[in-house]
Amino acid sequence: MRGPTDEEIRKVIMPLMLSGAKMLDRHCPKCGSPLFEKDGRVFCPVCEYRERKKKTEINQKTGEVVKRLEEKLIKLASSLPDDVDELEKHLKVMDLIIELMKKYKALEGRE
């Protein structure tokens, strides 16, 4: 992994320094950023920022998938066929969509 970008220095490291956190003379073995200490906790602000950013992106993508599944479910629900066999197929597909939505929403909760 690479060291902090200019954006990460501006958005993460500088505000941290201004908040009174102590920059240590040690560096993160993962990204090479200086480690910080605040409230007795030593941490790498860059790795934490990247992890939060990654989780946010995953949640956004998951939300988009759930939205598309909801749209498909509404479309199917509004066009139920009269034929019993076709209706059964429709309902099975709707059930699968609902199960997928549950799984994606569970993923959002874990992130």
C-alpha atoms as a PDB file:
ATOM      1  CA  MET A   1       0.000   0.000   0.000  1.00  0.00           C
ATOM      2  CA  ARG A   2       1.187   3.502  -0.701  1.00  0.00           C
ATOM      3  CA  GLY A   3       1.704   6.397   1.676  1.00  0.00           C
ATOM      4  CA  PRO A   4      -0.742   9.235   2.218  1.00  0.00           C
ATOM      5  CA  THR A   5      -1.967  11.158  -0.814  1.00  0.00           C
ATOM      6  CA  ASP A   6      -2.209  14.954  -0.879  1.00  0.00           C
ATOM      7  CA  GLU A   7      -5.962  14.595  -0.303  1.00  0.00           C
ATOM      8  CA  GLU A   8      -5.389  12.375   2.742  1.00  0.00           C
ATOM      9  CA  ILE A   9      -2.852  14.832   4.154  1.00  0.00           C
ATOM     10  CA  ARG A  10      -5.373  17.690   3.774  1.00  0.00           C
ATOM     11  CA  LYS A  11      -8.470  15.781   4.926  1.00  0.00           C
ATOM     12  CA  VAL A  12      -7.014  13.500   7.595  1.00  0.00           C
ATOM     13  CA  ILE A  13      -3.540  14.340   8.861  1.00  0.00           C
ATOM     14  CA  MET A  14      -3.707  18.152   9.036  1.00  0.00           C
ATOM     15  CA  PRO A  15      -7.035  18.291  10.929  1.00  0.00           C
ATOM     16  CA  LEU A  16      -5.735  15.628  13.292  1.00  0.00           C
ATOM     17  CA  MET A  17      -2.631  17.677  14.047  1.00  0.00           C
ATOM     18  CA  LEU A  18      -4.765  20.781  14.611  1.00  0.00           C
ATOM     19  CA  SER A  19      -6.970  18.820  17.029  1.00  0.00           C
ATOM     20  CA  GLY A  20      -4.040  18.217  19.352  1.00  0.00           C
ATOM     21  CA  ALA A  21      -3.187  14.662  18.355  1.00  0.00           C
ATOM     22  CA  LYS A  22       0.479  13.787  18.723  1.00  0.00           C
ATOM     23  CA  MET A  23       2.382  12.673  15.627  1.00  0.00           C
ATOM     24  CA  LEU A  24       4.754   9.892  16.624  1.00  0.00           C
ATOM     25  CA  ASP A  25       8.174   9.126  15.218  1.00  0.00           C
ATOM     26  CA  ARG A  26       6.888   5.716  14.081  1.00  0.00           C
ATOM     27  CA  HIS A  27       5.215   4.849  10.821  1.00  0.00           C
ATOM     28  CA  CYS A  28       2.420   2.513   9.828  1.00  0.00           C
ATOM     29  CA  PRO A  29       3.820  -0.783   8.531  1.00  0.00           C
ATOM     30  CA  LYS A  30       0.883  -1.022   6.130  1.00  0.00           C
ATOM     31  CA  CYS A  31       0.885   2.363   4.383  1.00  0.00           C
ATOM     32  CA  GLY A  32       3.946   4.231   5.678  1.00  0.00           C
ATOM     33  CA  SER A  33       1.973   7.127   7.166  1.00  0.00           C
ATOM     34  CA  PRO A  34       3.079   8.564  10.481  1.00  0.00           C
ATOM     35  CA  LEU A  35       1.258   7.030  13.444  1.00  0.00           C
ATOM     36  CA  PHE A  36      -0.635   9.304  15.813  1.00  0.00           C
ATOM     37  CA  GLU A  37      -1.603   9.158  19.451  1.00  0.00           C
ATOM     38  CA  LYS A  38      -4.743  10.712  20.852  1.00  0.00           C
ATOM     39  CA  ASP A  39      -6.567   9.954  24.072  1.00  0.00           C
ATOM     40  CA  GLY A  40      -4.070   7.157  24.801  1.00  0.00           C
ATOM     41  CA  ARG A  41      -4.746   5.394  21.509  1.00  0.00           C
ATOM     42  CA  VAL A  42      -2.040   4.893  18.858  1.00  0.00           C
ATOM     43  CA  PHE A  43      -3.419   4.574  15.328  1.00  0.00           C
ATOM     44  CA  CYS A  44      -2.835   5.159  11.657  1.00  0.00           C
ATOM     45  CA  PRO A  45      -5.270   7.852  10.523  1.00  0.00           C
ATOM     46  CA  VAL A  46      -4.701   7.101   6.842  1.00  0.00           C
ATOM     47  CA  CYS A  47      -5.563   3.396   7.117  1.00  0.00           C
ATOM     48  CA  GLU A  48      -8.640   4.246   9.208  1.00  0.00           C
ATOM     49  CA  TYR A  49      -9.720   6.866   6.643  1.00  0.00           C
ATOM     50  CA  ARG A  50      -9.244   4.440   3.761  1.00  0.00           C
ATOM     51  CA  GLU A  51     -11.251   1.752   5.563  1.00  0.00           C
ATOM     52  CA  ARG A  52     -14.124   4.160   6.281  1.00  0.00           C
ATOM     53  CA  LYS A  53     -14.063   5.366   2.663  1.00  0.00           C
ATOM     54  CA  LYS A  54     -14.115   1.778   1.374  1.00  0.00           C
ATOM     55  CA  LYS A  55     -17.072   0.859   3.617  1.00  0.00           C
ATOM     56  CA  THR A  56     -18.969   3.944   2.459  1.00  0.00           C
ATOM     57  CA  GLU A  57     -18.414   3.018  -1.192  1.00  0.00           C
ATOM     58  CA  ILE A  58     -19.563  -0.562  -0.562  1.00  0.00           C
ATOM     59  CA  ASN A  59     -22.678   0.665   1.236  1.00  0.00           C
ATOM     60  CA  GLN A  60     -23.473   3.018  -1.642  1.00  0.00           C
ATOM     61  CA  LYS A  61     -23.169   0.215  -4.185  1.00  0.00           C
ATOM     62  CA  THR A  62     -25.223  -2.105  -2.009  1.00  0.00           C
ATOM     63  CA  GLY A  63     -27.886   0.588  -1.689  1.00  0.00           C
ATOM     64  CA  GLU A  64     -28.007   0.948  -5.478  1.00  0.00           C
ATOM     65  CA  VAL A  65     -28.515  -2.802  -5.898  1.00  0.00           C
ATOM     66  CA  VAL A  66     -31.303  -2.843  -3.300  1.00  0.00           C
ATOM     67  CA  LYS A  67     -32.989   0.094  -5.051  1.00  0.00           C
ATOM     68  CA  ARG A  68     -32.912  -1.745  -8.388  1.00  0.00           C
ATOM     69  CA  LEU A  69     -34.287  -4.891  -6.770  1.00  0.00           C
ATOM     70  CA  GLU A  70     -37.102  -2.864  -5.198  1.00  0.00           C
ATOM     71  CA  GLU A  71     -37.948  -1.360  -8.591  1.00  0.00           C
ATOM     72  CA  LYS A  72     -38.066  -4.818 -10.163  1.00  0.00           C
ATOM     73  CA  LEU A  73     -40.237  -6.118  -7.331  1.00  0.00           C
ATOM     74  CA  ILE A  74     -42.700  -3.251  -7.771  1.00  0.00           C
ATOM     75  CA  LYS A  75     -42.810  -3.848 -11.519  1.00  0.00           C
ATOM     76  CA  LEU A  76     -43.530  -7.557 -10.992  1.00  0.00           C
ATOM     77  CA  ALA A  77     -46.139  -6.868  -8.313  1.00  0.00           C
ATOM     78  CA  SER A  78     -47.977  -4.439 -10.560  1.00  0.00           C
ATOM     79  CA  SER A  79     -48.204  -6.889 -13.441  1.00  0.00           C
ATOM     80  CA  LEU A  80     -49.382 -10.149 -11.918  1.00  0.00           C
ATOM     81  CA  PRO A  81     -50.696 -12.529 -14.586  1.00  0.00           C
ATOM     82  CA  ASP A  82     -54.119 -14.193 -14.455  1.00  0.00           C
ATOM     83  CA  ASP A  83     -52.792 -17.628 -15.411  1.00  0.00           C
ATOM     84  CA  VAL A  84     -52.099 -19.661 -12.273  1.00  0.00           C
ATOM     85  CA  ASP A  85     -48.864 -21.221 -13.605  1.00  0.00           C
ATOM     86  CA  GLU A  86     -47.523 -17.834 -14.696  1.00  0.00           C
ATOM     87  CA  LEU A  87     -48.587 -16.316 -11.384  1.00  0.00           C
ATOM     88  CA  GLU A  88     -46.677 -19.020  -9.545  1.00  0.00           C
ATOM     89  CA  LYS A  89     -43.534 -18.219 -11.569  1.00  0.00           C
ATOM     90  CA  HIS A  90     -43.993 -14.511 -10.855  1.00  0.00           C
ATOM     91  CA  LEU A  91     -44.323 -15.138  -7.136  1.00  0.00           C
ATOM     92  CA  LYS A  92     -41.220 -17.340  -7.081  1.00  0.00           C
ATOM     93  CA  VAL A  93     -39.201 -14.607  -8.769  1.00  0.00           C
ATOM     94  CA  MET A  94     -40.603 -12.052  -6.327  1.00  0.00           C
ATOM     95  CA  ASP A  95     -39.647 -14.293  -3.420  1.00  0.00           C
ATOM     96  CA  LEU A  96     -36.090 -14.585  -4.779  1.00  0.00           C
ATOM     97  CA  ILE A  97     -35.852 -10.813  -5.099  1.00  0.00           C
ATOM     98  CA  ILE A  98     -37.038 -10.368  -1.513  1.00  0.00           C
ATOM     99  CA  GLU A  99     -34.421 -12.868  -0.293  1.00  0.00           C
ATOM    100  CA  LEU A 100     -31.694 -11.033  -2.230  1.00  0.00           C
ATOM    101  CA  MET A 101     -32.814  -7.728  -0.742  1.00  0.00           C
ATOM    102  CA  LYS A 102     -32.608  -9.207   2.754  1.00  0.00           C
ATOM    103  CA  LYS A 103     -29.057 -10.425   2.090  1.00  0.00           C
ATOM    104  CA  TYR A 104     -27.930  -7.053   0.724  1.00  0.00           C
ATOM    105  CA  LYS A 105     -29.511  -5.199   3.621  1.00  0.00           C
ATOM    106  CA  ALA A 106     -27.756  -7.549   6.039  1.00  0.00           C
ATOM    107  CA  LEU A 107     -24.467  -6.694   4.316  1.00  0.00           C
ATOM    108  CA  GLU A 108     -25.165  -3.000   4.793  1.00  0.00           C
ATOM    109  CA  GLY A 109     -25.648  -3.597   8.493  1.00  0.00           C
ATOM    110  CA  ARG A 110     -22.277  -5.328   8.821  1.00  0.00           C
ATOM    111  CA  GLU A 111     -20.314  -2.646   7.017  1.00  0.00           C
END
